[in-house]
Protein backbone atom coordinates (compact mmCIF):
# COMPACT_ATOMS: atom_id res chain seq x y z
CA MET A 1 144.33 104.08 18.98
CA SER A 2 144.68 100.87 20.57
CA THR A 3 146.03 98.35 19.67
CA LYS A 4 142.29 95.38 19.25
CA LEU A 5 142.51 92.67 21.01
CA ASN A 6 142.79 89.17 19.47
CA ALA A 7 139.45 87.77 19.76
CA CYS A 8 138.54 83.45 19.67
CA VAL A 9 134.92 83.08 19.47
CA ILE A 10 134.05 79.23 20.29
CA GLY A 11 129.90 78.36 19.07
CA LEU A 12 128.90 80.30 15.43
CA GLY A 13 125.42 79.36 17.12
CA SER A 14 122.79 82.41 16.60
CA ILE A 15 124.04 84.47 19.49
CA GLY A 16 128.01 83.42 18.57
CA TRP A 17 127.51 84.10 15.30
CA GLY A 18 126.20 88.17 16.35
CA ALA A 19 129.52 88.14 18.85
CA ALA A 20 131.82 87.07 15.76
CA VAL A 21 130.56 89.49 12.98
CA SER A 22 129.58 92.58 15.96
CA LEU A 23 133.76 92.12 16.76
CA LEU A 24 135.08 92.07 12.85
CA ARG A 25 132.59 94.97 12.44
CA GLU A 26 134.51 96.98 15.15
CA GLY A 27 137.88 95.62 13.84
CA PHE A 28 138.80 92.91 16.10
CA PRO A 29 140.65 90.50 14.78
CA THR A 30 138.94 87.33 15.39
CA VAL A 31 139.24 83.74 14.48
CA ALA A 32 136.39 81.27 15.34
CA VAL A 33 135.80 77.83 15.66
CA ASP A 34 132.01 76.11 15.62
CA ILE A 35 131.91 71.76 14.32
CA ARG A 36 129.46 73.12 11.50
CA GLU A 37 131.98 73.57 8.26
CA GLU A 38 128.81 75.99 6.81
CA ALA A 39 128.73 77.82 9.78
CA LEU A 40 132.68 78.38 9.38
CA ALA A 41 132.80 79.03 5.61
CA LYS A 42 129.78 82.56 6.22
CA PHE A 43 132.28 83.91 8.97
CA VAL A 44 135.64 83.26 6.72
CA ALA A 45 133.42 84.88 4.38
CA GLU A 46 131.98 87.43 6.30
CA GLY A 47 136.30 88.85 6.83
CA GLY A 48 137.56 86.65 9.95
CA ARG A 49 139.21 83.40 10.47
CA ARG A 50 138.21 80.02 11.18
CA ALA A 51 139.84 77.34 13.24
CA ALA A 52 140.08 73.42 13.86
CA THR A 53 139.71 73.47 17.12
CA PRO A 54 138.80 75.09 20.51
CA ALA A 55 143.04 74.74 21.11
CA GLU A 56 144.16 76.62 17.48
CA GLY A 57 141.68 79.11 18.02
CA ALA A 58 142.70 79.86 21.66
CA ALA A 59 146.30 79.87 20.84
CA GLU A 60 147.29 83.59 20.05
CA ALA A 61 143.98 84.74 21.49
CA ASP A 62 144.04 87.59 24.44
CA LEU A 63 140.20 87.22 24.15
CA VAL A 64 138.23 83.81 24.39
CA MET A 65 134.39 83.83 24.41
CA VAL A 66 132.36 80.92 24.42
CA PHE A 67 128.80 80.41 23.20
CA VAL A 68 128.25 76.54 23.30
CA VAL A 69 125.03 75.08 24.34
CA ASN A 70 125.56 73.75 28.42
CA ALA A 71 127.91 73.50 31.13
CA ALA A 72 129.18 69.72 29.87
CA GLN A 73 130.11 71.20 25.99
CA THR A 74 131.74 74.49 28.02
CA GLU A 75 133.93 71.59 30.17
CA THR A 76 134.50 70.02 26.80
CA VAL A 77 135.81 72.44 24.39
CA LEU A 78 138.04 74.50 27.56
CA PHE A 79 139.19 71.62 29.37
CA GLY A 80 139.18 68.52 27.06
CA GLU A 81 140.99 66.77 23.94
CA ASN A 82 142.25 69.78 22.03
CA GLY A 83 140.69 72.78 24.61
CA ALA A 84 141.49 76.15 24.86
CA VAL A 85 143.28 76.60 27.85
CA ALA A 86 146.05 73.55 27.41
CA ALA A 87 146.47 76.31 24.62
CA ALA A 88 146.43 79.76 25.78
CA LYS A 89 148.58 82.14 26.87
CA PRO A 90 149.06 82.51 30.44
CA GLY A 91 146.41 85.63 31.54
CA THR A 92 144.25 84.49 28.13
CA THR A 93 141.19 86.37 29.66
CA PHE A 94 137.75 83.40 29.08
CA VAL A 95 134.30 85.06 29.00
CA ILE A 96 131.73 82.81 29.53
CA CYS A 97 128.56 83.90 28.13
CA VAL A 98 126.76 80.28 28.22
CA THR A 99 123.53 80.04 30.09
CA MET A 100 124.25 77.29 32.86
CA PRO A 101 123.44 76.39 36.83
CA PRO A 102 125.46 78.90 38.42
CA SER A 103 127.36 76.74 40.40
CA ALA A 104 128.87 74.81 37.27
CA MET A 105 129.53 78.96 36.17
CA SER A 106 131.69 79.50 39.25
CA ASP A 107 133.35 75.97 39.10
CA ILE A 108 134.83 76.70 35.99
CA CYS A 109 135.67 80.18 35.75
CA ALA A 110 137.98 78.97 39.36
CA ARG A 111 139.28 76.13 37.09
CA LEU A 112 140.67 78.84 34.16
CA GLU A 113 141.91 80.87 37.46
CA ALA A 114 143.58 77.81 38.97
CA ALA A 115 144.97 77.32 35.32
CA GLY A 116 146.82 80.73 34.87
CA MET A 117 143.67 82.02 33.25
CA LYS A 118 141.10 85.38 33.94
CA ALA A 119 137.37 84.30 33.99
CA ILE A 120 134.48 86.47 32.88
CA ASP A 121 131.24 84.92 33.99
CA ALA A 122 128.47 87.10 30.97
CA PRO A 123 125.28 84.77 30.32
CA THR A 124 123.44 86.91 27.61
CA SER A 125 120.16 88.13 26.41
CA GLY A 126 117.86 89.28 23.24
CA GLY A 127 117.73 87.20 20.50
CA SER A 128 119.63 86.77 17.49
CA GLY A 129 118.37 89.73 15.71
CA LYS A 130 120.01 91.81 18.70
CA ALA A 131 123.01 89.93 18.20
CA ALA A 132 123.89 90.26 15.43
CA SER A 133 123.35 94.21 15.39
CA GLY A 134 125.43 94.18 18.25
CA GLU A 135 122.97 94.88 20.71
CA THR A 136 123.04 92.26 22.75
CA THR A 137 122.60 92.81 27.26
CA LEU A 138 125.64 91.05 28.36
CA MET A 139 124.68 90.22 32.42
CA ALA A 140 128.49 90.28 33.58
CA SER A 141 130.32 89.11 36.71
CA GLY A 142 133.93 89.13 38.11
CA PRO A 143 136.68 91.12 39.33
CA ASP A 144 136.66 94.57 37.65
CA ALA A 145 140.52 94.60 36.45
CA VAL A 146 139.98 91.94 34.20
CA LEU A 147 136.41 92.96 32.80
CA ASP A 148 138.01 97.01 32.64
CA GLY A 149 140.82 94.96 30.61
CA VAL A 150 138.27 93.61 28.09
CA MET A 151 135.52 95.92 28.07
CA PRO A 152 135.81 97.42 24.51
CA ALA A 153 135.31 93.91 22.75
CA LEU A 154 132.39 92.93 25.17
CA GLU A 155 130.88 96.68 24.49
CA ALA A 156 131.79 95.97 20.45
CA MET A 157 128.64 93.49 20.97
CA SER A 158 126.59 94.51 23.45
CA GLY A 159 124.43 97.56 23.88
CA ARG A 160 124.12 97.10 27.48
CA ILE A 161 127.08 96.10 29.82
CA TYR A 162 125.33 95.24 33.53
CA ARG A 163 128.44 94.66 35.67
CA LEU A 164 126.79 92.73 38.69
CA GLY A 165 129.71 91.79 40.89
CA ASP A 166 133.18 90.53 41.18
CA THR A 167 132.57 86.97 41.96
CA CYS A 168 132.01 85.14 38.84
CA GLY A 169 128.23 83.27 39.11
CA ALA A 170 126.28 86.60 39.57
CA GLY A 171 125.44 87.06 36.16
CA SER A 172 124.64 83.28 35.72
CA ARG A 173 122.29 84.06 38.48
CA VAL A 174 120.87 86.84 37.07
CA LYS A 175 120.26 84.88 33.17
CA MET A 176 118.27 82.26 35.26
CA ILE A 177 116.11 85.10 36.72
CA ASN A 178 115.85 86.40 32.91
CA GLN A 179 115.73 82.82 31.84
CA LEU A 180 112.59 82.08 34.47
CA LEU A 181 110.61 84.81 32.99
CA ALA A 182 111.38 84.32 29.39
CA GLY A 183 110.19 80.56 28.98
CA VAL A 184 106.77 81.87 30.93
CA HIS A 185 106.31 84.23 28.77
CA ILE A 186 106.46 82.10 25.61
CA ALA A 187 104.36 79.75 27.43
CA ALA A 188 101.49 82.49 28.50
CA MET A 189 101.90 83.87 24.38
CA ALA A 190 100.65 80.05 23.54
CA GLU A 191 98.73 79.82 25.88
CA ALA A 192 96.83 83.52 24.70
CA MET A 193 97.54 82.78 20.80
CA THR A 194 95.56 79.29 21.35
CA LEU A 195 92.07 80.71 23.13
CA GLY A 196 92.17 83.46 21.19
CA ALA A 197 92.29 81.00 18.18
CA LYS A 198 89.57 78.36 19.65
CA MET A 199 87.65 81.80 20.03
CA GLY A 200 86.94 82.60 17.01
CA VAL A 201 89.54 85.53 17.23
CA ASP A 202 91.46 87.15 14.65
CA LEU A 203 95.40 86.12 15.24
CA GLY A 204 97.15 88.80 13.60
CA THR A 205 94.24 91.55 15.51
CA LEU A 206 94.60 89.92 18.81
CA TYR A 207 98.64 90.43 18.34
CA GLU A 208 98.17 94.08 17.33
CA VAL A 209 95.45 94.63 20.63
CA ILE A 210 97.87 92.84 22.68
CA THR A 211 100.87 94.75 21.72
CA GLY A 212 99.13 97.87 22.16
CA SER A 213 98.18 97.03 25.52
CA ALA A 214 98.91 95.90 29.18
CA GLY A 215 98.93 92.63 28.67
CA ASN A 216 101.65 92.50 26.08
CA SER A 217 105.59 91.67 26.95
CA TRP A 218 108.90 91.55 24.56
CA MET A 219 108.15 87.58 24.52
CA PHE A 220 103.88 87.96 23.53
CA GLU A 221 105.23 90.39 20.97
CA ASN A 222 108.30 88.61 19.33
CA ARG A 223 106.87 85.27 19.48
CA GLY A 224 103.75 86.32 19.07
CA ALA A 225 104.81 86.87 15.56
CA HIS A 226 106.28 83.97 14.82
CA VAL A 227 102.56 82.36 15.36
CA VAL A 228 101.05 84.99 13.53
CA ASN A 229 103.12 84.36 10.89
CA GLY A 230 103.17 80.45 10.93
CA ASP A 231 106.66 80.95 10.50
CA TYR A 232 108.55 78.52 13.49
CA THR A 233 112.68 78.44 12.07
CA PRO A 234 114.64 78.44 15.22
CA HIS A 235 115.83 81.36 16.32
CA SER A 236 116.01 79.87 20.11
CA ALA A 237 114.74 75.95 20.00
CA VAL A 238 112.25 74.10 22.48
CA ASP A 239 114.89 72.37 24.08
CA ILE A 240 116.88 75.35 25.07
CA PHE A 241 113.89 76.21 27.38
CA VAL A 242 113.69 72.37 28.35
CA LYS A 243 117.38 72.56 29.32
CA ASP A 244 116.60 76.87 31.15
CA LEU A 245 113.73 75.88 33.26
CA GLY A 246 114.86 72.88 34.13
CA ILE A 247 117.99 74.91 35.11
CA VAL A 248 115.25 77.66 37.25
CA VAL A 249 114.07 74.20 38.79
CA SER A 250 116.88 72.38 39.40
CA GLU A 251 118.57 75.58 41.67
CA ALA A 252 115.36 76.21 43.13
CA GLY A 253 115.19 73.41 44.87
CA ASP A 254 112.62 72.99 47.74
CA GLY A 255 113.97 75.94 49.03
CA CYS A 256 111.25 78.17 46.84
CA PRO A 257 108.27 77.25 44.79
CA THR A 258 108.05 78.01 41.70
CA PRO A 259 104.93 76.47 40.11
CA LEU A 260 104.89 78.59 37.27
CA SER A 261 108.91 77.22 35.77
CA ASP A 262 107.94 74.59 36.68
CA THR A 263 104.38 74.52 34.59
CA ALA A 264 105.90 76.03 31.39
CA LEU A 265 108.71 73.47 31.86
CA ALA A 266 106.61 70.94 31.49
CA LEU A 267 104.77 72.42 28.44
CA PHE A 268 108.14 72.28 26.85
CA LYS A 269 109.00 69.15 27.64
CA GLU A 270 106.26 67.37 26.12
CA ALA A 271 106.68 70.03 23.05
CA SER A 272 109.86 68.10 22.88
CA ALA A 273 108.98 64.71 23.46
CA ALA A 274 106.40 65.14 20.64
CA GLY A 275 109.23 66.20 18.02
CA MET A 276 109.20 69.98 18.48
CA GLY A 277 112.40 70.31 20.29
CA ARG A 278 114.59 71.87 17.65
CA GLU A 279 111.62 73.89 16.56
CA ASP A 280 111.80 77.39 17.33
CA ASP A 281 110.33 77.95 21.30
CA ALA A 282 107.04 79.44 19.87
CA ALA A 283 106.37 75.84 18.75
CA VAL A 284 104.20 75.15 21.75
CA ALA A 285 101.51 77.54 20.63
CA LYS A 286 101.09 74.27 18.39
CA LEU A 287 100.85 71.77 21.08
CA LEU A 288 98.57 73.24 22.43
CA ALA A 289 96.34 74.35 19.17
CA LYS A 290 96.58 70.61 18.71
CA LYS A 291 95.19 69.50 22.09
CA ALA A 292 92.34 72.50 21.44
CA GLY A 293 90.98 70.87 18.10
CA VAL A 294 92.41 74.62 16.34
CA LYS A 295 94.35 75.73 13.32
CA LEU A 296 97.35 77.85 13.43
CA PRO A 297 98.04 80.22 10.74
CA GLY A 298 100.83 78.50 8.28
CA VAL A 299 100.52 75.00 10.72
CA GLU A 300 99.66 71.64 8.13
CA ASP A 301 96.35 69.57 9.87
């Protein structure tokens, strides 16, 4: 049996948490880094180890996986004070699982390689549920030999791994398109649920019919259930799609029209400005319902 890689997971949000516990479940010695004491204590209770800083976490790691929010946070945990890169062993593999502009991902991977490290661009999709069960979709790009070296660890946290090329940035380009569709589909779900409520349709019945019909989407099925149940506990927050659709619109620029992304981004921005930024992204339905003068399940006036 081959020796398991020593892993460090930086960022125990919904996806990072799932990756870290999946690695533990498959026997990979794993240390976690997070700014939240409660997340670290919970991880230790699962049998993992904790580190106070990215530098401490990366010092003995063969593999460092990064699950922070954006490019700026990635820069900080890698290259900032007490950053992982300065403390890591030469040749350590860094797997960057952060949704960011492809241009930023390419730059970060190039800096890692210049520092004597190996780099993989590997954003994920699937949500907190699939992350917890080790079934996320991984959109990976980077040198084949580097991917081969960490594939057992990636397989521990992923149900599907797509190898999208040997250059960092390719994975992030595909993830950007995924987020375009995800954000637009959430906005469409919110609009459909609001219109149904305005017309007096029972939302539970509407949900049942649509999820068995051609109008269904993964996001309608997943987030529509949040609206029907009146549960806006954040699994992926409104502000995440302010960021991600912002990446889509910015990267597309003037060269490719993105009218649906533009509209969905405006909706998420408005919901964030209305104080819903940290709520589940399905909360955009609450914003539309208020404008329509209808009451959604579980929402107080």
